[in-house]
Amino acid sequence: MNSIEIRNIPFSPPDITEAEIEEVVSALKSGWITTGPKTKEFEKRIAEYVGTNKAVCLNSATSAMELTLRILGVGPGDEVITSAYTYTATASVIDHVGAKIVLVDTAPDSFEMDYSKLAEAITERTKVVIPVDLAGKMCDYDGIYKAVESKKYLFKPNNEIQEDFNRVIVMADAAHAFGAEQNGKKCGQVADFTCYSFHAVKNLTTAEGGAVVWRNDLNLDDEEVYKQYMLYSLHGQSKDALAKTQKGAWEYDIVYPGYKCNMTDIVAGIGLIQLQRYKSQLQKRKNIIEQYNKALIPLGINVLPHYDENYSSSGHLYIIRIPNIDLHRRNEIINEMANMGISCNVHYKPLPLLTAYKNLGFDIKDYPNAYKMYENEITLPLHTLLTFNDIEYIVESLKKSIKNNGE
């Protein structure tokens, strides 16, 4: 390795082509740079891709999750359950609406919630559970719905939409999982509501952005639900800017004091091209994962499985766990990889390790499985600009870093 030139391999740069740039220029020249025709077209294309009747584009997955909770009527006095092993956005939205955050530990040797503990955590105050499709692999939704059904008798709806469900509602944090599949269904067709991220590091990016879809078989009024998202995302205003441009159509009302988290046509333009390229991008990610697996699994390194006969991940993150190392040694390996020009990451610090959640009363001692998953986890670079030689370099650098740290 000493004779090999050190490379600069970023963790997850955006894969942008001239086509995205041209689409953004088109938006700038069109006169529509905020929510307009490109955003509406992007919503239509997302719904077609996922196989849902409707999609709503917003400025982030965080907004998608928060607005969904608000539309479902979740607020003070309610409880929402999620995993202790996730990014803060999954839980912070629960706090934003005034509900109580309930965290569940992962199952042993798993990044997913322990579904037996999920069932135990459901009370008569529970309104929503938020599973996390970490790294792009969909959760065991059969296990989630089984847990929800087992406590259905406790559910106490406090509005009409909750009465329609008459059980705890499943809202997926699928920030990583756009394009994933499970048992022949796309991510977006399984959970009741599914929220995606199009942030800069995501498989499909709009720089900043997100979307939400909901299942077709929920007997919801799709147009009414879509209207609620539009109202909540644009101040509660009864007409958006596009509608107000019609001759003599300036008049509007504010139905309730809403929020400001709409998507713009500039970023929707990026998304439209990214979606056109997405099938080939998913295949590139699969090829990279297979190359990593071929090199690392024989070394005894634990890797998150992305593909099986029953599921196909979006291949968002390449997560590994190195057996028999502690937090200090994990961090030393990441530092040594950085010295070789390779940017690695950790997904994630369990929430009870973070100050905000400590202040809410959470203690990592109550989430031992999540901590064990975290202390030896490393996320290697995975993006569509990587070459075959880049992967070889990363693998050889990792071997050297592990060896240098006593493994």
Protein backbone atom coordinates (compact mmCIF):
# COMPACT_ATOMS: atom_id res chain seq x y z
CA MET A 1 0.00 0.00 0.00
CA ASN A 2 2.89 2.39 0.68
CA SER A 3 3.80 2.38 -3.01
CA ILE A 4 0.23 3.09 -4.09
CA GLU A 5 -0.74 6.70 -4.65
CA ILE A 6 -3.23 7.93 -2.07
CA ARG A 7 -6.59 8.66 -3.66
CA ASN A 8 -9.30 11.09 -2.71
CA ILE A 9 -12.52 9.10 -2.39
CA PRO A 10 -15.43 11.14 -1.01
CA PHE A 11 -18.23 9.44 0.90
CA SER A 12 -21.22 10.23 -1.31
CA PRO A 13 -20.92 13.00 -3.91
CA PRO A 14 -23.94 13.77 -6.11
CA ASP A 15 -23.99 12.19 -9.57
CA ILE A 16 -25.04 15.15 -11.72
CA THR A 17 -24.89 15.24 -15.53
CA GLU A 18 -25.41 17.92 -18.14
CA ALA A 19 -29.01 16.74 -18.46
CA GLU A 20 -29.83 17.83 -14.87
CA ILE A 21 -28.08 21.15 -15.45
CA GLU A 22 -30.07 21.77 -18.64
CA GLU A 23 -33.34 21.00 -16.83
CA VAL A 24 -32.47 23.51 -14.08
CA VAL A 25 -31.63 26.12 -16.73
CA SER A 26 -34.99 25.34 -18.35
CA ALA A 27 -36.73 26.07 -15.05
CA LEU A 28 -34.81 29.32 -14.60
CA LYS A 29 -35.74 30.46 -18.10
CA SER A 30 -39.38 29.41 -17.78
CA GLY A 31 -40.31 32.03 -15.21
CA TRP A 32 -41.29 29.29 -12.75
CA ILE A 33 -38.62 28.76 -10.12
CA THR A 34 -40.83 27.94 -7.12
CA THR A 35 -43.57 25.28 -6.99
CA GLY A 36 -44.99 24.97 -10.48
CA PRO A 37 -45.31 22.63 -13.46
CA LYS A 38 -42.02 20.77 -12.95
CA THR A 39 -42.87 19.98 -9.32
CA LYS A 40 -46.31 18.71 -10.32
CA GLU A 41 -44.73 16.59 -13.08
CA PHE A 42 -42.19 15.20 -10.63
CA GLU A 43 -45.01 14.22 -8.25
CA LYS A 44 -46.77 12.44 -11.10
CA ARG A 45 -43.61 10.56 -12.11
CA ILE A 46 -42.86 9.49 -8.54
CA ALA A 47 -46.39 8.12 -8.10
CA GLU A 48 -46.05 6.20 -11.39
CA TYR A 49 -42.66 4.81 -10.39
CA VAL A 50 -43.80 3.72 -6.93
CA GLY A 51 -47.24 2.52 -8.02
CA THR A 52 -49.38 4.81 -5.89
CA ASN A 53 -52.23 7.07 -6.87
CA LYS A 54 -50.58 10.21 -5.52
CA ALA A 55 -47.24 11.59 -4.40
CA VAL A 56 -46.48 14.85 -2.65
CA CYS A 57 -43.14 16.62 -3.10
CA LEU A 58 -41.79 18.74 -0.24
CA ASN A 59 -38.49 20.30 0.81
CA SER A 60 -37.32 17.30 2.87
CA ALA A 61 -38.23 13.88 4.23
CA THR A 62 -38.37 15.55 7.64
CA SER A 63 -41.17 17.81 6.44
CA ALA A 64 -42.89 14.82 4.86
CA MET A 65 -42.88 12.96 8.18
CA GLU A 66 -43.96 15.94 10.26
CA LEU A 67 -46.81 16.95 7.95
CA THR A 68 -48.00 13.34 7.84
CA LEU A 69 -48.19 13.26 11.64
CA ARG A 70 -50.10 16.55 11.64
CA ILE A 71 -52.52 15.40 8.94
CA LEU A 72 -53.11 12.24 10.97
CA GLY A 73 -53.98 14.46 13.95
CA VAL A 74 -51.09 13.35 16.16
CA GLY A 75 -50.29 15.78 18.96
CA PRO A 76 -50.01 16.31 22.72
CA GLY A 77 -51.14 13.31 24.75
CA ASP A 78 -50.27 10.89 21.94
CA GLU A 79 -47.30 8.53 21.66
CA VAL A 80 -45.30 7.65 18.55
CA ILE A 81 -42.87 4.72 18.49
CA THR A 82 -39.65 4.55 16.54
CA SER A 83 -36.26 2.87 16.61
CA ALA A 84 -33.43 3.93 18.91
CA TYR A 85 -31.13 3.28 15.93
CA THR A 86 -31.83 6.10 13.51
CA TYR A 87 -31.03 9.69 12.62
CA THR A 88 -32.58 12.42 14.75
CA ALA A 89 -35.12 13.48 12.06
CA THR A 90 -37.13 10.30 12.62
CA ALA A 91 -37.74 11.19 16.26
CA SER A 92 -37.55 14.99 16.23
CA VAL A 93 -40.74 15.25 14.18
CA ILE A 94 -42.58 13.45 16.98
CA ASP A 95 -41.41 16.13 19.39
CA HIS A 96 -42.32 18.88 16.92
CA VAL A 97 -46.01 17.88 16.96
CA GLY A 98 -46.04 17.64 20.75
CA ALA A 99 -46.34 13.85 21.04
CA LYS A 100 -44.22 11.62 23.28
CA ILE A 101 -41.25 9.86 21.68
CA VAL A 102 -41.12 6.15 22.49
CA LEU A 103 -37.86 4.44 21.47
CA VAL A 104 -37.52 0.69 20.94
CA ASP A 105 -34.19 -1.15 21.02
CA THR A 106 -33.04 -3.12 18.01
CA ALA A 107 -33.26 -6.90 17.96
CA PRO A 108 -29.97 -8.67 18.79
CA ASP A 109 -27.51 -8.40 15.87
CA SER A 110 -30.02 -6.39 13.85
CA PHE A 111 -30.42 -2.79 12.73
CA GLU A 112 -34.22 -3.17 12.90
CA MET A 113 -36.48 -2.69 15.88
CA ASP A 114 -37.13 -5.71 18.07
CA TYR A 115 -40.72 -6.33 17.00
CA SER A 116 -41.64 -8.18 20.19
CA LYS A 117 -40.59 -5.06 22.09
CA LEU A 118 -42.52 -2.94 19.61
CA ALA A 119 -45.69 -4.81 20.53
CA GLU A 120 -44.93 -4.32 24.24
CA ALA A 121 -44.43 -0.57 23.69
CA ILE A 122 -47.88 -0.02 22.14
CA THR A 123 -50.34 1.58 24.56
CA GLU A 124 -53.78 3.17 24.26
CA ARG A 125 -51.97 6.46 23.55
CA THR A 126 -49.96 5.08 20.61
CA LYS A 127 -51.06 6.54 17.28
CA VAL A 128 -48.14 5.87 14.88
CA VAL A 129 -45.08 3.66 14.57
CA ILE A 130 -42.18 4.85 12.41
CA PRO A 131 -39.99 1.99 11.12
CA VAL A 132 -36.66 2.94 9.52
CA ASP A 133 -35.56 1.40 6.21
CA LEU A 134 -31.88 1.73 7.08
CA ALA A 135 -29.36 1.72 4.20
CA GLY A 136 -32.18 1.20 1.68
CA LYS A 137 -33.33 -2.23 2.90
CA MET A 138 -37.01 -2.38 3.76
CA CYS A 139 -37.91 -3.51 7.27
CA ASP A 140 -39.85 -6.65 8.10
CA TYR A 141 -43.26 -5.07 7.59
CA ASP A 142 -45.03 -8.37 8.20
CA GLY A 143 -43.51 -8.31 11.69
CA ILE A 144 -44.49 -4.68 12.16
CA TYR A 145 -48.11 -5.17 11.13
CA LYS A 146 -48.31 -8.31 13.27
CA ALA A 147 -47.20 -6.28 16.30
CA VAL A 148 -49.70 -3.54 15.45
CA GLU A 149 -52.58 -5.98 14.99
CA SER A 150 -51.76 -7.72 18.28
CA LYS A 151 -52.54 -4.46 20.12
CA LYS A 152 -55.35 -3.24 17.92
CA TYR A 153 -57.80 -3.53 20.82
CA LEU A 154 -55.96 -0.71 22.62
CA PHE A 155 -56.28 1.82 19.81
CA LYS A 156 -58.33 4.91 20.60
CA PRO A 157 -58.92 7.11 17.55
CA ASN A 158 -59.43 10.80 18.21
CA ASN A 159 -60.37 11.97 14.70
CA GLU A 160 -61.96 10.73 11.49
CA ILE A 161 -58.81 9.64 9.67
CA GLN A 162 -57.67 7.64 12.69
CA GLU A 163 -61.10 6.02 12.82
CA ASP A 164 -60.63 4.94 9.19
CA PHE A 165 -57.51 3.00 10.24
CA ASN A 166 -58.80 1.87 13.65
CA ARG A 167 -55.26 0.74 14.53
CA VAL A 168 -51.79 2.16 14.96
CA ILE A 169 -50.69 3.72 11.66
CA VAL A 170 -47.39 2.68 10.05
CA MET A 171 -45.39 5.58 8.62
CA ALA A 172 -42.09 4.48 7.08
CA ASP A 173 -38.98 6.59 7.31
CA ALA A 174 -37.80 5.48 3.88
CA ALA A 175 -35.31 8.32 3.49
CA HIS A 176 -32.81 5.72 2.20
CA ALA A 177 -35.15 3.35 0.39
CA PHE A 178 -36.63 4.95 -2.71
CA GLY A 179 -36.70 2.14 -5.30
CA ALA A 180 -36.40 -0.75 -2.84
CA GLU A 181 -38.71 -3.76 -3.16
CA GLN A 182 -40.00 -6.49 -0.86
CA ASN A 183 -42.11 -9.52 -1.78
CA GLY A 184 -42.94 -8.02 -5.16
CA LYS A 185 -44.02 -4.64 -3.78
CA LYS A 186 -42.21 -1.34 -4.10
CA CYS A 187 -41.23 0.71 -1.09
CA GLY A 188 -44.27 2.98 -0.85
CA GLN A 189 -46.84 0.22 -1.34
CA VAL A 190 -46.31 -1.53 2.01
CA ALA A 191 -46.33 0.99 4.86
CA ASP A 192 -49.48 3.10 5.22
CA PHE A 193 -47.46 6.25 4.51
CA THR A 194 -43.90 6.30 3.17
CA CYS A 195 -41.54 9.27 3.31
CA TYR A 196 -38.50 9.61 1.05
CA SER A 197 -35.47 11.89 1.08
CA PHE A 198 -33.87 13.47 -1.99
CA HIS A 199 -31.08 15.13 -0.01
CA ALA A 200 -27.68 15.68 -1.65
CA VAL A 201 -26.23 12.33 -0.52
CA LYS A 202 -29.26 10.22 -1.44
CA ASN A 203 -29.46 7.84 -4.43
CA LEU A 204 -31.84 10.22 -6.17
CA THR A 205 -31.11 13.81 -5.29
CA THR A 206 -32.81 17.17 -5.76
CA ALA A 207 -30.12 18.87 -3.59
CA GLU A 208 -32.71 19.22 -0.83
CA GLY A 209 -36.10 17.61 -1.07
CA GLY A 210 -38.42 14.81 -0.11
CA ALA A 211 -41.71 13.16 -0.92
CA VAL A 212 -44.51 11.20 0.68
CA VAL A 213 -46.84 8.57 -0.75
CA TRP A 214 -49.60 6.45 0.76
CA ARG A 215 -51.05 3.06 -0.09
CA ASN A 216 -53.86 2.79 -2.63
CA ASP A 217 -55.90 0.34 -0.56
CA LEU A 218 -56.54 2.49 2.53
CA ASN A 219 -59.93 3.80 1.37
CA LEU A 220 -58.67 7.35 1.80
CA ASP A 221 -59.87 10.22 -0.37
CA ASP A 222 -56.63 10.72 -2.30
CA GLU A 223 -57.53 14.19 -3.51
CA GLU A 224 -58.45 15.33 -0.01
CA VAL A 225 -55.25 13.94 1.51
CA TYR A 226 -53.20 15.59 -1.25
CA LYS A 227 -55.02 18.87 -0.61
CA GLN A 228 -54.14 18.67 3.09
CA TYR A 229 -50.45 18.30 2.28
CA MET A 230 -50.67 21.29 -0.06
CA LEU A 231 -52.34 23.39 2.62
CA TYR A 232 -49.95 22.39 5.40
CA SER A 233 -46.88 22.95 3.20
CA LEU A 234 -47.88 26.43 2.01
CA HIS A 235 -49.12 28.42 5.02
CA GLY A 236 -52.59 26.88 4.92
CA GLN A 237 -53.24 28.98 1.81
CA SER A 238 -56.21 27.85 -0.26
CA LYS A 239 -54.46 28.56 -3.60
CA ASP A 240 -50.84 27.99 -4.55
CA ALA A 241 -48.87 30.47 -6.66
CA LEU A 242 -49.62 28.56 -9.87
CA ALA A 243 -53.38 28.73 -9.29
CA LYS A 244 -53.21 32.43 -8.40
CA THR A 245 -51.65 33.27 -11.77
CA GLN A 246 -54.92 32.56 -13.58
CA LYS A 247 -56.61 35.77 -14.73
CA GLY A 248 -58.58 37.36 -11.93
CA ALA A 249 -57.71 34.52 -9.53
CA TRP A 250 -55.75 36.49 -6.93
CA GLU A 251 -58.31 35.82 -4.19
CA TYR A 252 -57.31 33.25 -1.54
CA ASP A 253 -57.96 32.26 2.04
CA ILE A 254 -55.79 30.96 4.89
CA VAL A 255 -57.56 27.87 6.18
CA TYR A 256 -55.25 27.44 9.18
CA PRO A 257 -51.77 28.71 10.14
CA GLY A 258 -49.68 26.25 8.16
CA TYR A 259 -45.99 25.82 7.38
CA LYS A 260 -43.64 26.61 4.51
CA CYS A 261 -41.97 23.48 3.14
CA ASN A 262 -42.92 23.21 -0.53
CA MET A 263 -40.58 21.94 -3.26
CA THR A 264 -39.38 24.31 -5.98
CA ASP A 265 -39.36 23.76 -9.74
CA ILE A 266 -35.59 24.30 -9.82
CA VAL A 267 -34.92 21.24 -7.67
CA ALA A 268 -37.81 19.27 -9.19
CA GLY A 269 -36.03 19.68 -12.52
CA ILE A 270 -32.99 17.91 -11.07
CA GLY A 271 -35.28 15.17 -9.76
CA LEU A 272 -37.01 14.60 -13.10
CA ILE A 273 -33.71 13.77 -14.80
CA GLN A 274 -32.44 11.77 -11.83
CA LEU A 275 -35.60 9.66 -12.01
CA GLN A 276 -35.04 9.00 -15.72
CA ARG A 277 -31.56 7.68 -14.88
CA TYR A 278 -32.59 5.83 -11.75
CA LYS A 279 -32.90 2.26 -13.02
CA SER A 280 -29.31 2.24 -14.25
CA GLN A 281 -28.12 3.96 -11.06
CA LEU A 282 -29.68 1.21 -8.93
CA GLN A 283 -27.90 -1.42 -11.02
CA LYS A 284 -24.57 0.38 -10.59
CA ARG A 285 -25.07 0.34 -6.82
CA LYS A 286 -25.88 -3.36 -6.91
CA ASN A 287 -22.69 -4.06 -8.85
CA ILE A 288 -20.63 -2.12 -6.30
CA ILE A 289 -22.24 -3.95 -3.38
CA GLU A 290 -21.55 -7.31 -5.02
CA GLN A 291 -17.91 -6.34 -5.52
CA TYR A 292 -17.62 -5.28 -1.87
CA ASN A 293 -19.33 -8.48 -0.68
CA LYS A 294 -17.06 -10.71 -2.73
CA ALA A 295 -13.99 -9.13 -1.14
CA LEU A 296 -15.15 -8.58 2.45
CA ILE A 297 -17.45 -11.45 3.44
CA PRO A 298 -14.62 -14.05 3.17
CA LEU A 299 -12.64 -11.94 5.67
CA GLY A 300 -15.29 -12.52 8.34
CA ILE A 301 -16.60 -8.94 8.17
CA ASN A 302 -20.34 -8.68 8.81
CA VAL A 303 -22.21 -6.88 6.03
CA LEU A 304 -25.80 -5.72 5.83
CA PRO A 305 -27.55 -7.96 3.25
CA HIS A 306 -29.10 -5.91 0.45
CA TYR A 307 -30.45 -8.56 -1.91
CA ASP A 308 -32.36 -11.80 -1.50
CA GLU A 309 -35.00 -13.72 -3.44
CA ASN A 310 -37.64 -11.85 -1.40
CA TYR A 311 -36.22 -8.33 -1.36
CA SER A 312 -34.07 -5.85 -3.22
CA SER A 313 -32.55 -2.88 -1.45
CA SER A 314 -32.04 0.54 -2.99
CA GLY A 315 -28.36 -0.01 -2.15
CA HIS A 316 -28.04 3.33 -0.41
CA LEU A 317 -25.36 2.57 2.21
CA TYR A 318 -22.71 -0.12 2.47
CA ILE A 319 -22.75 -0.92 6.17
CA ILE A 320 -20.20 -3.27 7.74
CA ARG A 321 -19.47 -4.42 11.26
CA ILE A 322 -16.01 -5.60 12.25
CA PRO A 323 -16.19 -8.38 14.85
CA ASN A 324 -14.46 -8.06 18.20
CA ILE A 325 -13.58 -4.39 18.08
CA ASP A 326 -14.72 -1.62 20.40
CA LEU A 327 -15.63 2.01 19.79
CA HIS A 328 -12.04 3.24 20.10
CA ARG A 329 -10.68 0.76 17.57
CA ARG A 330 -13.57 1.45 15.19
CA ASN A 331 -12.75 5.17 15.28
CA GLU A 332 -9.04 4.48 14.74
CA ILE A 333 -9.86 2.46 11.62
CA ILE A 334 -12.00 5.32 10.27
CA ASN A 335 -9.16 7.77 10.97
CA GLU A 336 -6.64 5.57 9.21
CA MET A 337 -8.95 5.22 6.21
CA ALA A 338 -9.18 9.03 6.13
CA ASN A 339 -5.37 9.21 6.07
CA MET A 340 -5.53 7.05 2.94
CA GLY A 341 -7.94 9.51 1.35
CA ILE A 342 -11.11 7.49 1.97
CA SER A 343 -14.07 9.16 3.64
CA CYS A 344 -16.07 6.71 5.79
CA ASN A 345 -19.02 7.34 8.07
CA VAL A 346 -21.07 5.82 10.90
CA HIS A 347 -24.82 5.14 10.58
CA TYR A 348 -25.90 5.92 13.23
CA LYS A 349 -25.21 7.04 16.74
CA PRO A 350 -28.20 5.62 18.63
CA LEU A 351 -30.44 8.48 19.72
CA PRO A 352 -29.95 7.94 23.48
CA LEU A 353 -26.25 8.84 23.01
CA LEU A 354 -27.16 12.34 21.83
CA THR A 355 -27.57 15.31 24.17
CA ALA A 356 -31.08 16.20 22.98
CA TYR A 357 -32.39 12.73 23.79
CA LYS A 358 -30.46 12.43 27.04
CA ASN A 359 -32.24 15.63 28.04
CA LEU A 360 -35.55 13.93 27.24
CA GLY A 361 -34.64 11.16 29.69
CA PHE A 362 -33.34 8.44 27.40
CA ASP A 363 -30.39 6.33 28.61
CA ILE A 364 -28.28 4.18 26.27
CA LYS A 365 -28.14 1.48 28.97
CA ASP A 366 -31.76 0.73 28.11
CA TYR A 367 -30.80 0.05 24.48
CA PRO A 368 -27.90 -2.42 24.68
CA ASN A 369 -28.51 -4.05 21.30
CA ALA A 370 -28.49 -0.72 19.49
CA TYR A 371 -25.21 0.18 21.17
CA LYS A 372 -23.61 -3.13 20.15
CA MET A 373 -24.61 -2.50 16.54
CA TYR A 374 -23.13 0.98 16.68
CA GLU A 375 -19.80 0.41 18.40
CA ASN A 376 -18.22 -1.62 15.58
CA GLU A 377 -20.15 -0.22 12.58
CA ILE A 378 -18.46 1.51 9.66
CA THR A 379 -20.13 2.78 6.48
CA LEU A 380 -17.90 2.58 3.42
CA PRO A 381 -18.27 4.88 0.40
CA LEU A 382 -21.05 3.77 -1.93
CA HIS A 383 -21.98 5.97 -4.88
CA THR A 384 -22.30 5.71 -8.63
CA LEU A 385 -19.09 7.62 -9.40
CA LEU A 386 -16.94 4.88 -7.85
CA THR A 387 -14.83 2.77 -10.22
CA PHE A 388 -13.81 -0.87 -9.97
CA ASN A 389 -10.31 0.29 -9.04
CA ASP A 390 -11.71 2.59 -6.35
CA ILE A 391 -13.42 -0.37 -4.69
CA GLU A 392 -10.21 -2.40 -4.81
CA TYR A 393 -8.34 0.50 -3.21
CA ILE A 394 -10.97 0.87 -0.47
CA VAL A 395 -10.90 -2.85 0.30
CA GLU A 396 -7.10 -3.00 0.48
CA SER A 397 -7.02 0.11 2.65
CA LEU A 398 -9.62 -1.39 4.98
CA LYS A 399 -7.61 -4.61 5.32
CA LYS A 400 -4.52 -2.61 6.21
CA SER A 401 -6.43 -0.41 8.68
CA ILE A 402 -7.90 -3.44 10.45
CA LYS A 403 -4.51 -5.16 10.62
CA ASN A 404 -2.87 -1.99 11.97
CA ASN A 405 -5.51 -1.83 14.69
CA GLY A 406 -4.82 -5.30 16.02
CA GLU A 407 -7.53 -7.35 14.33
